[in-house]
Amino acid sequence: MDCRQPGDQGADEDFVVSRLDHDAESLLAALFIEADKTRVRWRRMDQIYSQPLSGHYHVVQLDNGDSLSSRSLWDQSMNIEPLPVGQNRRFHAAGPAGQRLLIWQKGFRIEGHDITIAVAEDLSSVQEQRDRFMRTFALLALVGLGVMLAIQHLLVRRSFRRLEAVREDIRRLGQGKTDRLSDDVPIEVRPLVGEFNRLLDLLSQRLERSRNALGNLTHALKGPDASIGAIFR
């Protein structure tokens, strides 16, 4: 298989790697050496590694050049490079049936032998789950936004409907049918209505003073006007 280093290692791959690392430790525990030959206790391994082309594979590279492959690889191979004990790496590789594999590789020592274990998983299912989650999330976000906008629209209409009484009072004020605005209004606009009524009261007082002053002026002019009229007669 041709291998390449990944250009993008997201959180989803980190989760897969943690699972592969656990499987590598399980595989190490299932290994035993008998007559200088390394074997695997398959019953200790997850059965998915026995199903042909399951998308889950492992390879054990021995220090004598031999290797052990999982039954799931069937007639395929997964070539790996030996790693020193304690070192690890991860990379992408093309797998069987066009699968895109994420491979976790680590060096171990067992009974005096240096081995390298590589565990791989097909990322197709992970990507499908991620894409399905993103589509679902986007759909829920759009639905949530639509519901929020609908609620906001209803609240705005309800708020303006409560101001209809103020609009009607202003119309009646313009027609001279009232001289004040009703204070039976929403609490949010009550201060504004109060200030408007105070202004109306102030204008009314000034208008009343102007009328009184005009009346006094008219009364004061009646005397001189009568005297002048008598002279010319």
Protein backbone atom coordinates (compact mmCIF):
# COMPACT_ATOMS: atom_id res chain seq x y z
CA MET A 1 0.00 0.00 0.00
CA ASP A 2 1.11 3.55 -0.72
CA CYS A 3 1.27 5.64 2.43
CA ARG A 4 1.17 9.41 2.90
CA GLN A 5 1.26 11.69 5.89
CA PRO A 6 -2.06 13.34 6.73
CA GLY A 7 -2.49 17.00 6.04
CA ASP A 8 -5.43 17.45 8.38
CA GLN A 9 -5.75 15.67 11.72
CA GLY A 10 -8.98 16.72 13.33
CA ALA A 11 -10.59 15.86 16.62
CA ASP A 12 -12.47 13.00 14.99
CA GLU A 13 -9.17 11.38 13.99
CA ASP A 14 -7.81 11.92 17.50
CA PHE A 15 -10.74 9.89 18.81
CA VAL A 16 -10.04 7.11 16.28
CA VAL A 17 -6.36 7.10 17.22
CA SER A 18 -7.20 6.69 20.92
CA ARG A 19 -9.31 3.66 20.01
CA LEU A 20 -6.58 2.24 17.79
CA ASP A 21 -4.04 2.69 20.57
CA HIS A 22 -6.30 0.71 22.89
CA ASP A 23 -6.63 -2.05 20.27
CA ALA A 24 -2.84 -2.10 19.88
CA GLU A 25 -2.45 -2.66 23.62
CA SER A 26 -5.06 -5.44 23.45
CA LEU A 27 -3.19 -7.04 20.54
CA LEU A 28 0.06 -6.87 22.52
CA ALA A 29 -1.62 -8.69 25.42
CA ALA A 30 -2.91 -11.35 22.99
CA LEU A 31 0.57 -12.10 21.60
CA PHE A 32 2.67 -15.00 22.85
CA ILE A 33 5.94 -16.57 21.71
CA GLU A 34 6.07 -20.31 21.35
CA ALA A 35 9.20 -22.09 20.06
CA ASP A 36 10.60 -18.75 18.86
CA LYS A 37 7.43 -18.19 16.86
CA THR A 38 5.03 -15.36 17.64
CA ARG A 39 1.34 -16.19 17.69
CA VAL A 40 -1.92 -14.35 18.42
CA ARG A 41 -4.67 -15.54 20.72
CA TRP A 42 -7.47 -14.57 18.35
CA ARG A 43 -10.17 -15.16 20.92
CA ARG A 44 -8.86 -12.17 22.88
CA MET A 45 -9.26 -9.88 19.89
CA ASP A 46 -12.39 -8.13 18.70
CA GLN A 47 -14.11 -10.30 16.09
CA ILE A 48 -14.20 -7.38 13.68
CA TYR A 49 -10.51 -8.09 13.00
CA SER A 50 -11.52 -11.54 11.75
CA GLN A 51 -14.17 -10.38 9.29
CA PRO A 52 -12.79 -10.03 5.73
CA LEU A 53 -12.42 -6.42 4.57
CA SER A 54 -14.21 -5.15 7.69
CA GLY A 55 -12.33 -1.84 7.64
CA HIS A 56 -10.42 -2.78 10.81
CA TYR A 57 -6.96 -4.29 10.35
CA HIS A 58 -3.73 -4.91 12.21
CA VAL A 59 -0.22 -6.06 11.39
CA VAL A 60 2.52 -7.22 13.75
CA GLN A 61 6.05 -6.69 12.37
CA LEU A 62 8.60 -8.98 14.05
CA ASP A 63 12.28 -8.25 14.56
CA ASN A 64 13.22 -11.25 12.42
CA GLY A 65 11.44 -9.75 9.41
CA ASP A 66 8.30 -11.88 9.67
CA SER A 67 4.86 -10.36 10.11
CA LEU A 68 1.42 -11.36 11.32
CA SER A 69 -1.68 -9.88 9.71
CA SER A 70 -5.29 -9.86 10.86
CA ARG A 71 -7.69 -12.19 9.08
CA SER A 72 -9.70 -9.12 8.03
CA LEU A 73 -6.97 -8.21 5.54
CA TRP A 74 -7.85 -11.39 3.64
CA ASP A 75 -5.38 -11.59 0.74
CA GLN A 76 -4.30 -7.94 1.06
CA SER A 77 -1.12 -6.68 2.69
CA MET A 78 -0.26 -3.66 4.80
CA ASN A 79 3.42 -2.85 4.70
CA ILE A 80 4.81 -0.95 7.68
CA GLU A 81 8.25 0.21 8.73
CA PRO A 82 9.66 -1.00 12.07
CA LEU A 83 9.68 1.55 14.87
CA PRO A 84 11.96 1.70 17.91
CA VAL A 85 10.41 0.67 21.21
CA GLY A 86 8.22 3.42 22.64
CA GLN A 87 7.92 5.44 19.45
CA ASN A 88 4.64 5.86 17.58
CA ARG A 89 3.18 7.61 14.57
CA ARG A 90 -0.01 7.85 12.61
CA PHE A 91 -0.56 8.25 8.89
CA HIS A 92 -3.08 7.73 6.11
CA ALA A 93 -2.86 4.91 3.59
CA ALA A 94 -4.92 3.44 0.80
CA GLY A 95 -6.56 0.24 1.99
CA PRO A 96 -8.45 -2.70 0.49
CA ALA A 97 -11.42 -1.92 -1.78
CA GLY A 98 -10.41 1.73 -1.99
CA GLN A 99 -10.77 2.30 1.75
CA ARG A 100 -9.03 5.31 3.26
CA LEU A 101 -7.21 4.01 6.32
CA LEU A 102 -5.91 5.81 9.36
CA ILE A 103 -3.00 3.75 10.70
CA TRP A 104 -1.63 3.94 14.23
CA GLN A 105 1.82 2.38 14.58
CA LYS A 106 3.85 1.80 17.75
CA GLY A 107 7.00 -0.03 18.81
CA PHE A 108 6.91 -2.57 21.68
CA ARG A 109 9.15 -5.17 23.31
CA ILE A 110 7.82 -8.58 24.32
CA GLU A 111 9.90 -11.35 25.88
CA GLY A 112 13.11 -9.79 24.61
CA HIS A 113 11.84 -9.26 21.06
CA ASP A 114 11.28 -5.86 19.47
CA ILE A 115 8.03 -5.70 17.52
CA THR A 116 6.03 -3.04 15.74
CA ILE A 117 2.25 -3.12 15.86
CA ALA A 118 0.14 -1.23 13.33
CA VAL A 119 -3.63 -0.97 13.75
CA ALA A 120 -5.77 0.60 11.03
CA GLU A 121 -9.38 1.72 10.63
CA ASP A 122 -11.33 2.82 7.58
CA LEU A 123 -12.25 6.49 7.97
CA SER A 124 -15.18 6.32 5.55
CA SER A 125 -17.72 5.49 8.26
CA VAL A 126 -16.28 8.16 10.56
CA GLN A 127 -16.51 10.77 7.81
CA GLU A 128 -20.05 9.69 6.96
CA GLN A 129 -21.07 10.05 10.60
CA ARG A 130 -19.40 13.46 10.78
CA ASP A 131 -21.06 14.62 7.56
CA ARG A 132 -24.43 13.32 8.76
CA PHE A 133 -23.95 15.15 12.06
CA MET A 134 -23.03 18.38 10.26
CA ARG A 135 -26.09 18.12 8.01
CA THR A 136 -28.34 17.44 10.99
CA PHE A 137 -26.77 20.28 12.96
CA ALA A 138 -27.19 22.69 10.03
CA LEU A 139 -30.83 21.66 9.62
CA LEU A 140 -31.55 22.08 13.34
CA ALA A 141 -29.77 25.44 13.31
CA LEU A 142 -31.92 26.65 10.41
CA VAL A 143 -35.10 25.41 12.11
CA GLY A 144 -34.05 27.07 15.36
CA LEU A 145 -33.32 30.33 13.55
CA GLY A 146 -36.70 30.19 11.81
CA VAL A 147 -38.53 29.59 15.09
CA MET A 148 -36.59 32.40 16.79
CA LEU A 149 -37.41 34.85 13.99
CA ALA A 150 -41.09 33.83 14.07
CA ILE A 151 -41.26 34.38 17.84
CA GLN A 152 -39.49 37.71 17.51
CA HIS A 153 -41.94 38.76 14.79
CA LEU A 154 -44.91 37.86 16.98
CA LEU A 155 -43.46 39.73 19.95
CA VAL A 156 -42.83 42.85 17.87
CA ARG A 157 -46.36 42.77 16.42
CA ARG A 158 -47.82 42.27 19.89
CA SER A 159 -45.77 45.18 21.24
CA PHE A 160 -46.88 47.52 18.47
CA ARG A 161 -50.49 46.40 18.88
CA ARG A 162 -50.34 47.64 22.47
CA LEU A 163 -49.33 51.05 21.12
CA GLU A 164 -52.48 51.27 19.01
CA ALA A 165 -54.30 53.01 21.87
CA VAL A 166 -51.62 55.72 21.95
CA ARG A 167 -51.95 56.25 18.20
CA GLU A 168 -55.73 56.57 18.54
CA ASP A 169 -55.34 59.15 21.35
CA ILE A 170 -52.98 61.21 19.19
CA ARG A 171 -55.50 61.09 16.33
CA ARG A 172 -58.32 62.27 18.65
CA LEU A 173 -55.99 64.95 20.03
CA GLY A 174 -55.42 66.25 16.52
CA GLN A 175 -59.19 66.37 15.92
CA GLY A 176 -59.72 68.33 19.13
CA LYS A 177 -61.75 65.55 20.75
CA THR A 178 -59.42 65.36 23.74
CA ASP A 179 -56.78 67.51 25.35
CA ARG A 180 -54.65 64.76 26.93
CA LEU A 181 -53.34 61.30 26.18
CA SER A 182 -54.57 58.42 28.29
CA ASP A 183 -51.98 57.06 30.74
CA ASP A 184 -53.46 53.57 30.41
CA VAL A 185 -50.58 52.50 28.20
CA PRO A 186 -47.76 49.91 28.37
CA ILE A 187 -45.28 50.68 31.11
CA GLU A 188 -42.49 51.01 28.54
CA VAL A 189 -44.04 54.15 26.96
CA ARG A 190 -45.72 55.54 30.09
CA PRO A 191 -42.86 58.00 30.80
CA LEU A 192 -43.08 59.27 27.21
CA VAL A 193 -46.85 59.75 27.47
CA GLY A 194 -46.35 61.55 30.80
CA GLU A 195 -43.84 63.96 29.27
CA PHE A 196 -46.16 64.53 26.29
CA ASN A 197 -49.09 65.35 28.61
CA ARG A 198 -46.85 67.68 30.64
CA LEU A 199 -45.98 69.47 27.40
CA LEU A 200 -49.67 69.70 26.49
CA ASP A 201 -50.43 71.17 29.93
CA LEU A 202 -47.64 73.70 29.51
CA LEU A 203 -48.90 74.73 26.06
CA SER A 204 -52.45 74.97 27.42
CA GLN A 205 -51.31 77.24 30.26
CA ARG A 206 -49.40 79.48 27.86
CA LEU A 207 -52.40 79.63 25.55
CA GLU A 208 -54.64 80.56 28.50
CA ARG A 209 -52.24 83.32 29.58
CA SER A 210 -52.11 84.61 26.02
CA ARG A 211 -55.92 84.72 25.88
CA ASN A 212 -56.10 86.56 29.22
CA ALA A 213 -53.47 89.04 28.11
CA LEU A 214 -55.33 89.63 24.85
CA GLY A 215 -58.60 90.10 26.73
CA ASN A 216 -57.01 92.61 29.11
CA LEU A 217 -55.48 94.48 26.19
CA THR A 218 -58.85 94.66 24.43
CA HIS A 219 -60.53 95.94 27.60
CA ALA A 220 -57.80 98.53 28.13
CA LEU A 221 -58.21 99.86 24.59
CA LYS A 222 -61.97 100.32 24.88
CA GLY A 223 -61.65 103.52 27.01
CA PRO A 224 -59.29 105.49 24.74
CA ASP A 225 -61.16 104.26 21.70
CA ALA A 226 -64.42 105.66 23.06
CA SER A 227 -62.81 109.02 23.89
CA ILE A 228 -61.32 109.41 20.44
CA GLY A 229 -64.62 108.53 18.87
CA ALA A 230 -66.39 111.23 20.95
CA ILE A 231 -63.90 113.90 19.83
CA PHE A 232 -64.45 113.25 16.18
CA ARG A 233 -68.18 113.26 16.50
